[in-house]
Amino acid sequence: MKKIFKIIIWIAVVLAVIFLLLNIVFAIFGKSIVAGQIEKNLKLKAKLGSISIGFPLSVNIRKLDIQGLAKIDSLSARPSILGFLAGKVVLNELTVVRPEISVEMDSNGKLNLPAFAAKGKQPPIFLAGLNIKEGSLIFIDKKVDPAGYKITLGNINADIAKATFPPTSLFTRFNLSAFLVDNQNAPKGKVLASGWVDFGPKNMEGKMEFKDIDITCLAPYYQNITPAKKLASGKLNFTSDLKAENNDLIGKCHLEVSDLVYEKETPAEGRPAAPDLVASALKILSGNTGKIAFDFTLKTKLDNPKINLKDLQGMFAQSAIQNIANQPPEKIIENAKDLGKQFKDFGKIMKEMWKKKEEEK
């Protein structure tokens, strides 16, 4: 018994020494090795505050900064020993705390995402679990605004886990939540996604939701639809039930816009205010409920999802017609008369302005 006890003590001492030596080696050489590999593969400058080995076996990195792309408070990877023995890099769990990712689109629509530049045969890397805590994603769009229009997702929390058994399974569950925030970090809506995906047979079931999104945060993407009127406030809600079988992905979508309020125009001196044609047109679509709803179905591929804008426009038009058709006939007539009156009043205003302009010549 004493001999067994001594052996256990010796094993514990050896493991402790190995653990201490690994930490010393990582403290001296780890930072330069990790930063060098990142720079080699991404072609971006990288630096980190510290790197260490955790017990029983984890690699912990703090204050990782990848030039212009990401800043991460801490990153912890738990590699699989069995994976190493099989000649593969298998991460049982990767935990990323407070990552800040910056993505920029230039005027030509090109993203600043780097291409992996490492040459030669790279060891296959398998990720069995990913946990993101309190992350943020900053998207700067210079295509819609040369100065760069910024959209920020904050408080991103995600849990992505691959099935443990069988080891070869590609069945993965995912759960994600985030907030759309403004420049003062105030919440302007919520984004949710959950479900599962199996990359083997390319099957999937999931749901995506946008809840109470402040539509003014997306102004550059819709303002050209109603350029004469600036939206002061409005809400957008969107749900999509996603299902894929054998790579054929179908999304049954419901989009709802409500509480639309346009900024009031201040007419020039001596000129009457123009009628609100936009509000009258929207009243026909909403049927006086204040909500405009669209139901449509997207069909694409799981491994290469794409949206055909022409098909999408057609589905929106069809849904709008259906919205009108579902209203009582008397309401349709009433709202149409109101819109006709607005156009008539607008015509009178334009006629008076033209007449006044001719008299001033």
Protein backbone atom coordinates (compact mmCIF):
# COMPACT_ATOMS: atom_id res chain seq x y z
CA MET A 1 0.00 0.00 0.00
CA LYS A 2 2.86 2.38 0.90
CA LYS A 3 4.52 1.59 -2.43
CA ILE A 4 1.34 2.43 -4.37
CA PHE A 5 0.98 5.63 -2.36
CA LYS A 6 4.58 6.63 -3.20
CA ILE A 7 3.97 5.92 -6.90
CA ILE A 8 0.87 8.15 -6.87
CA ILE A 9 2.84 10.92 -5.18
CA TRP A 10 5.67 10.60 -7.71
CA ILE A 11 3.22 10.71 -10.61
CA ALA A 12 1.56 13.82 -9.13
CA VAL A 13 4.98 15.48 -8.68
CA VAL A 14 6.01 14.64 -12.26
CA LEU A 15 2.73 15.98 -13.63
CA ALA A 16 3.11 19.15 -11.56
CA VAL A 17 6.66 19.66 -12.85
CA ILE A 18 5.55 19.06 -16.45
CA PHE A 19 2.64 21.47 -15.96
CA LEU A 20 5.02 24.10 -14.50
CA LEU A 21 7.54 23.64 -17.33
CA LEU A 22 4.81 23.94 -19.96
CA ASN A 23 3.65 27.21 -18.42
CA ILE A 24 7.23 28.53 -18.39
CA VAL A 25 7.76 27.51 -22.03
CA PHE A 26 4.42 29.04 -23.07
CA ALA A 27 5.19 32.22 -21.12
CA ILE A 28 8.54 32.60 -22.93
CA PHE A 29 7.78 31.35 -26.43
CA GLY A 30 3.98 30.97 -26.64
CA LYS A 31 3.11 34.59 -27.35
CA SER A 32 5.46 34.90 -30.31
CA ILE A 33 4.46 31.49 -31.72
CA VAL A 34 0.70 32.18 -31.57
CA ALA A 35 1.05 35.75 -32.86
CA GLY A 36 3.33 34.52 -35.65
CA GLN A 37 0.88 31.84 -36.77
CA ILE A 38 -2.02 34.34 -36.82
CA GLU A 39 0.02 36.83 -38.86
CA LYS A 40 1.18 34.08 -41.24
CA ASN A 41 -2.34 32.83 -41.90
CA LEU A 42 -4.33 36.08 -41.83
CA LYS A 43 -1.67 38.53 -43.04
CA LEU A 44 -2.67 40.85 -40.19
CA LYS A 45 -0.63 42.11 -37.24
CA ALA A 46 -1.48 40.31 -34.01
CA LYS A 47 -0.52 40.66 -30.37
CA LEU A 48 -1.65 39.13 -27.10
CA GLY A 49 -1.25 39.93 -23.44
CA SER A 50 -0.50 36.46 -22.09
CA ILE A 51 -0.80 32.75 -22.80
CA SER A 52 -0.88 29.95 -20.25
CA ILE A 53 -1.73 26.28 -19.73
CA GLY A 54 -4.68 25.44 -17.48
CA PHE A 55 -5.39 22.23 -15.57
CA PRO A 56 -6.16 19.54 -16.62
CA LEU A 57 -5.43 20.66 -20.20
CA SER A 58 -6.47 23.97 -21.70
CA VAL A 59 -4.74 26.79 -23.53
CA ASN A 60 -5.73 30.23 -22.24
CA ILE A 61 -5.05 33.45 -24.11
CA ARG A 62 -5.76 36.94 -22.78
CA LYS A 63 -6.03 40.28 -24.56
CA LEU A 64 -5.77 39.06 -28.14
CA ASP A 65 -5.74 41.88 -30.71
CA ILE A 66 -5.87 41.13 -34.44
CA GLN A 67 -5.30 44.37 -36.36
CA GLY A 68 -8.54 45.91 -37.63
CA LEU A 69 -10.49 42.66 -37.25
CA ALA A 70 -10.91 41.48 -33.66
CA LYS A 71 -10.22 42.28 -30.03
CA ILE A 72 -10.82 39.47 -27.55
CA ASP A 73 -10.63 39.75 -23.75
CA SER A 74 -9.96 36.05 -23.25
CA LEU A 75 -9.95 32.84 -25.22
CA SER A 76 -9.79 29.34 -23.79
CA ALA A 77 -9.34 26.20 -25.89
CA ARG A 78 -9.59 22.67 -24.51
CA PRO A 79 -7.87 20.31 -26.97
CA SER A 80 -8.47 16.56 -27.12
CA ILE A 81 -5.50 14.31 -26.36
CA LEU A 82 -7.05 11.48 -28.39
CA GLY A 83 -7.36 13.87 -31.31
CA PHE A 84 -3.64 14.70 -31.16
CA LEU A 85 -2.78 10.99 -31.10
CA ALA A 86 -4.89 10.58 -34.26
CA GLY A 87 -2.96 13.39 -35.96
CA LYS A 88 -5.83 15.89 -35.80
CA VAL A 89 -6.42 19.12 -33.93
CA VAL A 90 -9.67 18.55 -32.03
CA LEU A 91 -10.98 21.27 -29.72
CA ASN A 92 -13.53 19.86 -27.30
CA GLU A 93 -14.53 23.39 -26.33
CA LEU A 94 -13.57 26.89 -27.40
CA THR A 95 -14.73 29.68 -25.09
CA VAL A 96 -14.46 33.28 -26.28
CA VAL A 97 -15.19 36.06 -23.77
CA ARG A 98 -16.08 39.59 -24.87
CA PRO A 99 -14.90 39.41 -28.48
CA GLU A 100 -15.31 42.57 -30.54
CA ILE A 101 -15.35 41.80 -34.26
CA SER A 102 -15.17 44.59 -36.85
CA VAL A 103 -16.31 43.94 -40.41
CA GLU A 104 -16.15 46.61 -43.12
CA MET A 105 -17.65 46.65 -46.61
CA ASP A 106 -16.07 48.98 -49.14
CA SER A 107 -17.85 50.94 -51.87
CA ASN A 108 -17.58 47.94 -54.21
CA GLY A 109 -19.26 45.58 -51.77
CA LYS A 110 -16.06 43.79 -50.74
CA LEU A 111 -15.61 42.75 -47.11
CA ASN A 112 -12.37 43.17 -45.19
CA LEU A 113 -12.39 39.52 -44.10
CA PRO A 114 -8.92 38.05 -44.64
CA ALA A 115 -8.26 34.96 -46.71
CA PHE A 116 -6.24 32.21 -45.08
CA ALA A 117 -2.81 32.41 -46.66
CA ALA A 118 -1.02 29.45 -45.08
CA LYS A 119 0.58 27.16 -47.65
CA GLY A 120 1.22 23.44 -47.50
CA LYS A 121 -0.83 20.76 -45.82
CA GLN A 122 -2.43 22.09 -42.64
CA PRO A 123 -3.54 19.76 -39.84
CA PRO A 124 -7.34 19.31 -39.93
CA ILE A 125 -9.02 21.25 -37.13
CA PHE A 126 -12.30 20.06 -35.66
CA LEU A 127 -14.36 22.20 -33.30
CA ALA A 128 -16.70 20.23 -31.05
CA GLY A 129 -18.03 23.17 -29.05
CA LEU A 130 -18.07 26.97 -29.23
CA ASN A 131 -19.21 29.28 -26.45
CA ILE A 132 -19.31 33.05 -27.05
CA LYS A 133 -19.99 35.35 -24.11
CA GLU A 134 -20.84 39.07 -24.25
CA GLY A 135 -19.55 39.53 -27.78
CA SER A 136 -20.13 42.35 -30.24
CA LEU A 137 -20.11 42.66 -34.02
CA ILE A 138 -19.57 46.04 -35.67
CA PHE A 139 -20.50 46.26 -39.36
CA ILE A 140 -19.43 49.38 -41.28
CA ASP A 141 -21.05 49.71 -44.70
CA LYS A 142 -19.35 52.12 -47.12
CA LYS A 143 -21.44 50.91 -50.01
CA VAL A 144 -24.65 52.59 -48.79
CA ASP A 145 -22.79 55.52 -47.20
CA PRO A 146 -19.27 56.64 -48.28
CA ALA A 147 -18.66 57.87 -44.72
CA GLY A 148 -19.42 54.38 -43.41
CA TYR A 149 -22.81 53.47 -41.95
CA LYS A 150 -22.40 51.53 -38.71
CA ILE A 151 -24.64 48.72 -37.47
CA THR A 152 -23.75 47.08 -34.16
CA LEU A 153 -24.87 43.81 -32.59
CA GLY A 154 -24.07 43.77 -28.88
CA ASN A 155 -24.31 41.33 -25.98
CA ILE A 156 -23.88 38.37 -28.34
CA ASN A 157 -24.17 35.05 -26.52
CA ALA A 158 -23.89 31.81 -28.46
CA ASP A 159 -23.68 28.15 -27.57
CA ILE A 160 -22.81 25.76 -30.40
CA ALA A 161 -22.20 22.11 -29.55
CA LYS A 162 -21.54 19.05 -31.70
CA ALA A 163 -22.96 15.70 -30.66
CA THR A 164 -20.43 13.70 -28.64
CA PHE A 165 -21.60 10.26 -29.78
CA PRO A 166 -20.94 8.92 -32.26
CA PRO A 167 -17.61 10.80 -32.63
CA THR A 168 -18.03 11.00 -36.41
CA SER A 169 -21.43 12.70 -36.16
CA LEU A 170 -21.78 16.22 -37.58
CA PHE A 171 -25.06 16.85 -35.75
CA THR A 172 -24.78 20.27 -34.07
CA ARG A 173 -27.14 22.26 -31.86
CA PHE A 174 -27.01 26.06 -31.78
CA ASN A 175 -28.50 28.81 -29.67
CA LEU A 176 -27.77 32.49 -30.20
CA SER A 177 -29.05 35.81 -28.85
CA ALA A 178 -27.94 39.39 -29.46
CA PHE A 179 -29.19 42.98 -29.32
CA LEU A 180 -29.13 45.58 -32.07
CA VAL A 181 -27.66 48.66 -30.33
CA ASP A 182 -27.16 52.30 -31.26
CA ASN A 183 -24.02 54.43 -30.89
CA GLN A 184 -24.80 54.92 -27.18
CA ASN A 185 -25.08 51.13 -26.74
CA ALA A 186 -28.84 51.40 -26.07
CA PRO A 187 -30.84 48.33 -27.23
CA LYS A 188 -32.87 48.81 -30.42
CA GLY A 189 -34.21 45.29 -30.87
CA LYS A 190 -33.31 41.65 -30.30
CA VAL A 191 -31.97 38.90 -32.58
CA LEU A 192 -32.53 35.21 -31.75
CA ALA A 193 -31.61 31.95 -33.47
CA SER A 194 -31.90 28.36 -32.30
CA GLY A 195 -32.15 24.82 -33.65
CA TRP A 196 -29.92 22.09 -35.01
CA VAL A 197 -28.05 21.29 -38.19
CA ASP A 198 -26.50 18.04 -39.42
CA PHE A 199 -23.76 18.77 -41.95
CA GLY A 200 -23.51 15.11 -42.93
CA PRO A 201 -26.83 14.58 -44.75
CA LYS A 202 -27.25 18.41 -44.82
CA ASN A 203 -30.45 18.51 -42.80
CA MET A 204 -31.61 21.29 -40.49
CA GLU A 205 -34.41 22.61 -38.33
CA GLY A 206 -34.25 26.03 -36.76
CA LYS A 207 -35.83 29.39 -36.15
CA MET A 208 -34.59 32.94 -36.62
CA GLU A 209 -36.27 35.97 -35.05
CA PHE A 210 -35.88 39.73 -35.13
CA LYS A 211 -37.92 41.25 -32.29
CA ASP A 212 -39.00 44.91 -32.03
CA ILE A 213 -36.20 46.21 -34.26
CA ASP A 214 -36.09 50.01 -34.44
CA ILE A 215 -36.41 50.33 -38.20
CA THR A 216 -34.72 53.76 -38.26
CA CYS A 217 -31.42 51.98 -37.50
CA LEU A 218 -31.67 50.52 -41.01
CA ALA A 219 -32.61 53.80 -42.73
CA PRO A 220 -30.04 53.73 -45.59
CA TYR A 221 -31.40 50.37 -46.76
CA TYR A 222 -35.00 51.48 -47.27
CA GLN A 223 -34.91 55.31 -47.49
CA ASN A 224 -34.77 55.24 -51.30
CA ILE A 225 -38.22 53.59 -51.29
CA THR A 226 -39.82 56.72 -49.79
CA PRO A 227 -37.19 59.43 -50.37
CA ALA A 228 -39.63 62.29 -49.90
CA LYS A 229 -40.52 61.27 -46.35
CA LYS A 230 -38.11 60.60 -43.50
CA LEU A 231 -39.16 57.94 -41.02
CA ALA A 232 -39.10 59.15 -37.42
CA SER A 233 -39.89 55.79 -35.81
CA GLY A 234 -41.16 52.31 -36.56
CA LYS A 235 -40.90 48.68 -35.49
CA LEU A 236 -39.91 45.61 -37.46
CA ASN A 237 -40.58 42.01 -36.43
CA PHE A 238 -39.45 39.02 -38.45
CA THR A 239 -39.61 35.25 -37.97
CA SER A 240 -38.35 32.48 -40.20
CA ASP A 241 -38.96 28.78 -39.63
CA LEU A 242 -36.08 27.00 -41.34
CA LYS A 243 -36.04 23.40 -42.51
CA ALA A 244 -33.57 21.59 -44.76
CA GLU A 245 -33.59 18.08 -46.17
CA ASN A 246 -30.78 16.79 -48.38
CA ASN A 247 -29.39 20.34 -48.70
CA ASP A 248 -32.72 21.85 -49.88
CA LEU A 249 -33.39 24.70 -47.44
CA ILE A 250 -36.87 26.23 -47.09
CA GLY A 251 -37.60 29.24 -44.91
CA LYS A 252 -41.21 30.15 -44.14
CA CYS A 253 -41.02 33.84 -43.29
CA HIS A 254 -43.29 36.42 -41.69
CA LEU A 255 -42.32 40.10 -41.80
CA GLU A 256 -44.31 42.73 -39.94
CA VAL A 257 -43.79 46.50 -39.90
CA SER A 258 -45.75 48.62 -37.43
CA ASP A 259 -45.94 51.97 -35.60
CA LEU A 260 -44.64 53.92 -38.59
CA VAL A 261 -44.36 57.64 -37.90
CA TYR A 262 -42.94 60.05 -40.47
CA GLU A 263 -41.31 63.35 -39.62
CA LYS A 264 -43.58 66.33 -40.22
CA GLU A 265 -42.53 68.62 -43.01
CA THR A 266 -42.15 72.34 -42.42
CA PRO A 267 -43.50 74.03 -45.57
CA ALA A 268 -41.76 77.10 -46.93
CA GLU A 269 -43.33 80.46 -46.14
CA GLY A 270 -46.43 81.10 -48.21
CA ARG A 271 -46.55 77.48 -49.39
CA PRO A 272 -49.15 74.98 -48.11
CA ALA A 273 -48.00 71.64 -46.68
CA ALA A 274 -48.07 68.74 -49.09
CA PRO A 275 -50.52 65.94 -48.33
CA ASP A 276 -49.12 62.78 -46.76
CA LEU A 277 -49.32 60.44 -49.76
CA VAL A 278 -47.05 57.85 -48.15
CA ALA A 279 -49.22 57.53 -45.04
CA SER A 280 -52.35 57.17 -47.17
CA ALA A 281 -50.75 54.47 -49.33
CA LEU A 282 -49.60 52.57 -46.24
CA LYS A 283 -53.11 52.78 -44.79
CA ILE A 284 -54.38 50.80 -47.79
CA LEU A 285 -51.80 48.06 -47.12
CA SER A 286 -52.36 47.94 -43.36
CA GLY A 287 -56.14 48.24 -43.44
CA ASN A 288 -56.12 50.81 -40.62
CA THR A 289 -54.47 48.32 -38.21
CA GLY A 290 -51.17 50.17 -38.28
CA LYS A 291 -49.38 46.94 -39.20
CA ILE A 292 -48.13 45.86 -42.60
CA ALA A 293 -47.49 42.11 -42.78
CA PHE A 294 -45.84 40.02 -45.47
CA ASP A 295 -45.71 36.22 -45.63
CA PHE A 296 -43.32 34.61 -48.08
CA THR A 297 -41.19 31.49 -48.56
CA LEU A 298 -37.50 31.38 -49.43
CA LYS A 299 -35.98 28.36 -51.18
CA THR A 300 -32.21 27.93 -51.37
CA LYS A 301 -29.35 25.55 -50.51
CA LEU A 302 -28.04 24.89 -47.00
CA ASP A 303 -24.39 24.81 -48.06
CA ASN A 304 -24.69 27.91 -50.27
CA PRO A 305 -27.65 30.10 -49.21
CA LYS A 306 -28.62 32.82 -51.68
CA ILE A 307 -31.59 35.18 -52.04
CA ASN A 308 -32.96 36.08 -55.46
CA LEU A 309 -34.03 39.73 -55.13
CA LYS A 310 -36.40 39.58 -58.12
CA ASP A 311 -38.22 36.59 -56.66
CA LEU A 312 -38.33 38.33 -53.28
CA GLN A 313 -39.85 41.48 -54.80
CA GLY A 314 -42.49 39.36 -56.51
CA MET A 315 -43.36 37.61 -53.24
CA PHE A 316 -43.70 40.96 -51.46
CA ALA A 317 -45.98 42.28 -54.20
CA GLN A 318 -48.13 39.14 -54.04
CA SER A 319 -48.34 39.36 -50.25
CA ALA A 320 -49.32 43.05 -50.46
CA ILE A 321 -52.15 42.21 -52.86
CA GLN A 322 -53.29 39.47 -50.49
CA ASN A 323 -53.27 41.96 -47.58
CA ILE A 324 -55.61 44.25 -49.50
CA ALA A 325 -57.84 41.39 -50.67
CA ASN A 326 -58.35 40.21 -47.07
CA GLN A 327 -59.79 43.57 -46.00
CA PRO A 328 -63.51 44.38 -46.02
CA PRO A 329 -64.50 45.97 -49.37
CA GLU A 330 -65.84 49.10 -47.68
CA LYS A 331 -62.45 49.72 -46.02
CA ILE A 332 -60.62 49.31 -49.32
CA ILE A 333 -62.94 51.81 -51.00
CA GLU A 334 -62.68 54.27 -48.09
CA ASN A 335 -58.87 54.21 -48.04
CA ALA A 336 -58.64 54.37 -51.83
CA LYS A 337 -60.88 57.46 -51.85
CA ASP A 338 -58.65 59.05 -49.20
CA LEU A 339 -55.55 58.37 -51.30
CA GLY A 340 -57.30 59.76 -54.39
CA LYS A 341 -58.18 62.94 -52.48
CA GLN A 342 -54.57 63.27 -51.35
CA PHE A 343 -53.36 63.04 -54.95
CA LYS A 344 -55.97 65.60 -56.02
CA ASP A 345 -54.88 68.03 -53.29
CA PHE A 346 -51.25 67.45 -54.22
CA GLY A 347 -52.08 68.27 -57.84
CA LYS A 348 -53.71 71.56 -56.79
CA ILE A 349 -50.63 72.53 -54.76
CA MET A 350 -48.31 71.82 -57.67
CA LYS A 351 -50.57 73.82 -60.02
CA GLU A 352 -50.57 76.83 -57.67
CA MET A 353 -46.78 76.66 -57.28
CA TRP A 354 -46.32 76.54 -61.05
CA LYS A 355 -48.71 79.45 -61.56
CA LYS A 356 -46.89 81.52 -58.93
CA LYS A 357 -43.57 80.74 -60.53
CA GLU A 358 -44.84 81.89 -63.94
CA GLU A 359 -46.13 85.16 -62.46
CA GLU A 360 -42.75 85.92 -60.88
CA LYS A 361 -41.00 85.74 -64.27
